[in-house]
N, C-alpha and C. Protein backbone atom coordinates (compact mmCIF):
# COMPACT_ATOMS: atom_id res chain seq x y z
N PRO A 1 11.39 -13.29 25.65
CA PRO A 1 12.04 -12.31 24.78
C PRO A 1 11.30 -12.14 23.44
N GLN A 2 10.70 -13.23 22.93
CA GLN A 2 10.00 -13.12 21.65
C GLN A 2 8.70 -12.35 21.80
N LEU A 3 8.00 -12.54 22.93
CA LEU A 3 6.79 -11.76 23.17
C LEU A 3 7.11 -10.28 23.29
N ARG A 4 8.23 -9.97 23.94
CA ARG A 4 8.65 -8.56 24.05
C ARG A 4 9.02 -7.99 22.70
N ALA A 5 9.64 -8.81 21.86
CA ALA A 5 10.00 -8.34 20.51
C ALA A 5 8.75 -8.03 19.70
N LEU A 6 7.74 -8.89 19.78
CA LEU A 6 6.49 -8.64 19.06
C LEU A 6 5.78 -7.42 19.62
N ALA A 7 5.82 -7.25 20.94
CA ALA A 7 5.20 -6.06 21.56
C ALA A 7 5.92 -4.79 21.10
N ALA A 8 7.24 -4.86 20.98
CA ALA A 8 8.01 -3.69 20.52
C ALA A 8 7.68 -3.34 19.08
N LEU A 9 7.22 -4.33 18.31
CA LEU A 9 6.84 -4.09 16.92
C LEU A 9 5.38 -3.63 16.78
N GLY A 10 4.69 -3.47 17.92
CA GLY A 10 3.33 -2.95 17.90
C GLY A 10 2.25 -3.99 18.08
N PHE A 11 2.62 -5.21 18.35
CA PHE A 11 1.63 -6.27 18.57
C PHE A 11 1.51 -6.49 20.07
N GLY A 12 0.62 -5.74 20.70
CA GLY A 12 0.50 -5.74 22.15
C GLY A 12 -0.43 -6.79 22.72
N GLN A 13 -1.20 -7.46 21.89
CA GLN A 13 -2.12 -8.47 22.40
C GLN A 13 -1.33 -9.73 22.72
N ARG A 14 -1.04 -9.88 23.98
CA ARG A 14 -0.16 -10.96 24.44
C ARG A 14 -0.68 -12.34 24.05
N GLN A 15 -1.99 -12.56 24.16
CA GLN A 15 -2.55 -13.88 23.86
C GLN A 15 -2.41 -14.20 22.37
N ALA A 16 -2.67 -13.23 21.50
CA ALA A 16 -2.54 -13.46 20.06
C ALA A 16 -1.09 -13.71 19.69
N CYS A 17 -0.18 -12.99 20.33
CA CYS A 17 1.26 -13.18 20.06
C CYS A 17 1.71 -14.56 20.51
N ALA A 18 1.26 -14.97 21.70
CA ALA A 18 1.65 -16.29 22.21
C ALA A 18 1.11 -17.39 21.30
N ARG A 19 -0.12 -17.21 20.82
CA ARG A 19 -0.70 -18.22 19.92
C ARG A 19 0.07 -18.29 18.60
N ALA A 20 0.42 -17.13 18.05
CA ALA A 20 1.16 -17.10 16.79
C ALA A 20 2.54 -17.74 16.97
N LEU A 21 3.18 -17.47 18.09
CA LEU A 21 4.48 -18.10 18.35
C LEU A 21 4.32 -19.62 18.50
N HIS A 22 3.28 -20.04 19.20
CA HIS A 22 3.05 -21.47 19.39
C HIS A 22 2.78 -22.16 18.05
N ASP A 23 1.93 -21.53 17.22
CA ASP A 23 1.59 -22.11 15.91
C ASP A 23 2.79 -22.23 14.99
N ASN A 24 3.80 -21.39 15.22
CA ASN A 24 4.99 -21.38 14.36
C ASN A 24 6.21 -21.99 15.04
N GLY A 25 5.97 -22.76 16.08
CA GLY A 25 7.06 -23.45 16.76
C GLY A 25 8.09 -22.51 17.36
N GLY A 26 7.65 -21.33 17.79
CA GLY A 26 8.56 -20.36 18.41
C GLY A 26 9.30 -19.48 17.42
N ASP A 27 9.03 -19.65 16.14
CA ASP A 27 9.71 -18.84 15.12
C ASP A 27 9.12 -17.43 15.10
N LEU A 28 9.95 -16.45 15.40
CA LEU A 28 9.51 -15.06 15.48
C LEU A 28 9.01 -14.54 14.14
N TRP A 29 9.73 -14.84 13.07
CA TRP A 29 9.34 -14.35 11.74
C TRP A 29 8.02 -14.96 11.27
N GLY A 30 7.82 -16.22 11.56
CA GLY A 30 6.56 -16.87 11.21
C GLY A 30 5.40 -16.27 12.00
N ALA A 31 5.63 -16.02 13.28
CA ALA A 31 4.59 -15.39 14.11
C ALA A 31 4.28 -13.99 13.61
N LEU A 32 5.31 -13.26 13.25
CA LEU A 32 5.12 -11.91 12.72
C LEU A 32 4.30 -11.94 11.43
N ARG A 33 4.61 -12.89 10.56
CA ARG A 33 3.85 -13.04 9.31
C ARG A 33 2.38 -13.31 9.61
N ASP A 34 2.12 -14.22 10.56
CA ASP A 34 0.74 -14.55 10.90
C ASP A 34 0.00 -13.38 11.53
N LEU A 35 0.69 -12.59 12.33
CA LEU A 35 0.06 -11.44 12.98
C LEU A 35 -0.20 -10.30 11.99
N GLN A 36 0.65 -10.18 10.98
CA GLN A 36 0.50 -9.10 10.01
C GLN A 36 -0.54 -9.42 8.94
N ARG A 37 -0.77 -10.67 8.67
CA ARG A 37 -1.68 -11.07 7.57
C ARG A 37 -3.05 -10.40 7.66
N PRO A 38 -3.75 -10.43 8.81
CA PRO A 38 -5.06 -9.77 8.85
C PRO A 38 -4.97 -8.25 8.69
N LEU A 39 -3.86 -7.68 9.10
CA LEU A 39 -3.70 -6.23 8.97
C LEU A 39 -3.50 -5.82 7.51
N LEU A 40 -2.93 -6.71 6.72
CA LEU A 40 -2.68 -6.41 5.31
C LEU A 40 -3.90 -6.64 4.42
N GLY A 41 -4.93 -7.29 4.94
CA GLY A 41 -6.12 -7.62 4.15
C GLY A 41 -6.72 -6.43 3.41
N PRO A 42 -7.05 -5.33 4.10
CA PRO A 42 -7.65 -4.19 3.39
C PRO A 42 -6.72 -3.62 2.32
N PHE A 43 -5.43 -3.59 2.60
CA PHE A 43 -4.46 -3.07 1.63
C PHE A 43 -4.42 -3.95 0.38
N LEU A 44 -4.40 -5.27 0.57
CA LEU A 44 -4.34 -6.19 -0.57
C LEU A 44 -5.63 -6.15 -1.39
N ARG A 45 -6.78 -6.00 -0.71
CA ARG A 45 -8.04 -5.88 -1.45
C ARG A 45 -8.04 -4.61 -2.29
N ARG A 46 -7.50 -3.53 -1.75
CA ARG A 46 -7.45 -2.27 -2.49
C ARG A 46 -6.52 -2.38 -3.69
N LEU A 47 -5.44 -3.11 -3.56
CA LEU A 47 -4.51 -3.30 -4.67
C LEU A 47 -5.15 -4.07 -5.82
N GLN A 48 -6.06 -4.97 -5.50
CA GLN A 48 -6.68 -5.80 -6.53
C GLN A 48 -7.80 -5.08 -7.28
N GLN A 49 -8.24 -3.94 -6.76
CA GLN A 49 -9.29 -3.19 -7.45
C GLN A 49 -8.69 -2.45 -8.64
N PRO A 50 -9.49 -2.25 -9.70
CA PRO A 50 -8.98 -1.46 -10.83
C PRO A 50 -8.77 -0.01 -10.40
N PRO A 51 -7.77 0.65 -10.95
CA PRO A 51 -7.53 2.04 -10.56
C PRO A 51 -8.70 2.94 -10.97
N ALA A 52 -8.94 3.95 -10.17
CA ALA A 52 -9.99 4.92 -10.49
C ALA A 52 -9.56 5.71 -11.73
N PRO A 53 -10.52 6.19 -12.50
CA PRO A 53 -10.15 6.96 -13.70
C PRO A 53 -9.41 8.25 -13.33
N LEU A 54 -8.56 8.68 -14.22
CA LEU A 54 -7.81 9.92 -13.99
C LEU A 54 -8.74 11.12 -14.10
N ASP A 55 -8.60 12.05 -13.16
CA ASP A 55 -9.40 13.28 -13.17
C ASP A 55 -8.50 14.42 -13.64
N PHE A 56 -8.60 14.75 -14.92
CA PHE A 56 -7.72 15.78 -15.47
C PHE A 56 -8.10 17.18 -15.00
N GLU A 57 -9.25 17.31 -14.35
CA GLU A 57 -9.66 18.61 -13.80
C GLU A 57 -9.22 18.77 -12.35
N CYS A 58 -8.42 17.84 -11.87
CA CYS A 58 -7.91 17.89 -10.50
C CYS A 58 -7.12 19.18 -10.29
N PRO A 59 -7.41 19.95 -9.25
CA PRO A 59 -6.70 21.21 -9.03
C PRO A 59 -5.22 21.01 -8.65
N ASP A 60 -4.88 19.85 -8.12
CA ASP A 60 -3.50 19.58 -7.71
C ASP A 60 -2.76 18.91 -8.87
N GLN A 61 -2.03 19.70 -9.62
CA GLN A 61 -1.31 19.22 -10.81
C GLN A 61 -0.28 18.15 -10.44
N GLN A 62 0.43 18.35 -9.33
CA GLN A 62 1.45 17.38 -8.91
C GLN A 62 0.83 16.02 -8.60
N ALA A 63 -0.30 16.04 -7.92
CA ALA A 63 -0.97 14.77 -7.58
C ALA A 63 -1.40 14.05 -8.85
N LEU A 64 -1.89 14.80 -9.83
CA LEU A 64 -2.30 14.20 -11.09
C LEU A 64 -1.11 13.58 -11.82
N VAL A 65 0.01 14.30 -11.86
CA VAL A 65 1.21 13.79 -12.53
C VAL A 65 1.73 12.53 -11.82
N ARG A 66 1.73 12.53 -10.49
CA ARG A 66 2.16 11.34 -9.75
C ARG A 66 1.25 10.16 -10.05
N ARG A 67 -0.04 10.42 -10.14
CA ARG A 67 -1.01 9.36 -10.45
C ARG A 67 -0.78 8.80 -11.84
N ILE A 68 -0.49 9.69 -12.80
CA ILE A 68 -0.19 9.25 -14.17
C ILE A 68 1.05 8.37 -14.18
N LEU A 69 2.08 8.79 -13.45
CA LEU A 69 3.32 8.00 -13.37
C LEU A 69 3.06 6.62 -12.76
N ALA A 70 2.15 6.56 -11.79
CA ALA A 70 1.89 5.30 -11.10
C ALA A 70 1.01 4.35 -11.91
N THR A 71 0.13 4.89 -12.76
CA THR A 71 -0.85 4.02 -13.41
C THR A 71 -0.63 3.81 -14.90
N LEU A 72 0.07 4.71 -15.55
CA LEU A 72 0.30 4.58 -16.99
C LEU A 72 1.76 4.24 -17.27
N ASP A 73 2.02 3.76 -18.44
CA ASP A 73 3.39 3.41 -18.84
C ASP A 73 4.08 4.67 -19.39
N VAL A 74 4.44 5.56 -18.46
CA VAL A 74 5.08 6.83 -18.82
C VAL A 74 6.46 6.83 -18.17
N ALA A 75 7.48 7.22 -18.95
CA ALA A 75 8.86 7.04 -18.50
C ALA A 75 9.38 8.14 -17.59
N SER A 76 8.82 9.35 -17.64
CA SER A 76 9.42 10.43 -16.87
C SER A 76 8.36 11.41 -16.38
N TRP A 77 8.78 12.27 -15.46
CA TRP A 77 7.90 13.30 -14.92
C TRP A 77 7.46 14.24 -16.04
N GLY A 78 8.37 14.59 -16.92
CA GLY A 78 8.05 15.50 -18.02
C GLY A 78 6.98 14.93 -18.93
N ARG A 79 7.09 13.66 -19.25
CA ARG A 79 6.08 13.03 -20.11
C ARG A 79 4.74 12.92 -19.40
N ALA A 80 4.78 12.62 -18.12
CA ALA A 80 3.53 12.55 -17.35
C ALA A 80 2.88 13.93 -17.28
N SER A 81 3.69 14.95 -17.14
CA SER A 81 3.18 16.32 -17.12
C SER A 81 2.55 16.67 -18.47
N LEU A 82 3.16 16.21 -19.55
CA LEU A 82 2.61 16.43 -20.88
C LEU A 82 1.27 15.72 -21.04
N VAL A 83 1.16 14.49 -20.53
CA VAL A 83 -0.10 13.75 -20.58
C VAL A 83 -1.18 14.52 -19.81
N ALA A 84 -0.81 15.06 -18.64
CA ALA A 84 -1.77 15.83 -17.84
C ALA A 84 -2.23 17.07 -18.59
N SER A 85 -1.29 17.78 -19.20
CA SER A 85 -1.63 18.99 -19.95
C SER A 85 -2.52 18.67 -21.15
N LEU A 86 -2.17 17.63 -21.88
CA LEU A 86 -2.98 17.25 -23.04
C LEU A 86 -4.37 16.77 -22.61
N GLY A 87 -4.43 16.05 -21.51
CA GLY A 87 -5.72 15.60 -21.01
C GLY A 87 -6.63 16.76 -20.65
N ARG A 88 -6.06 17.79 -20.03
CA ARG A 88 -6.84 18.98 -19.70
C ARG A 88 -7.26 19.73 -20.96
N GLU A 89 -6.31 19.87 -21.87
CA GLU A 89 -6.58 20.62 -23.10
C GLU A 89 -7.66 19.94 -23.95
N LEU A 90 -7.62 18.61 -23.99
CA LEU A 90 -8.58 17.87 -24.81
C LEU A 90 -9.90 17.60 -24.07
N GLY A 91 -9.94 17.96 -22.80
CA GLY A 91 -11.16 17.76 -22.02
C GLY A 91 -11.44 16.31 -21.68
N LEU A 92 -10.41 15.53 -21.46
CA LEU A 92 -10.59 14.11 -21.13
C LEU A 92 -11.04 13.91 -19.70
């Protein structure tokens, strides 16, 4: 049943699933953690990189505002939009 549960979650390599279950004493959550760890590697490495500089000449205004909200300490959409407008106006 645990191998089927892991397969239903997208882990179809039966041998890797069986090994993860064995290494974790049959604990499904521990096996899931071990199976997901290598998949999360690229994501975690990307998180640790410094953010790319903001491109105020970006044609997609919404994408720029979302990026400002995600990377700067800005409290609202309106303020992020103001930062985007000022950045364009000042040629940043």
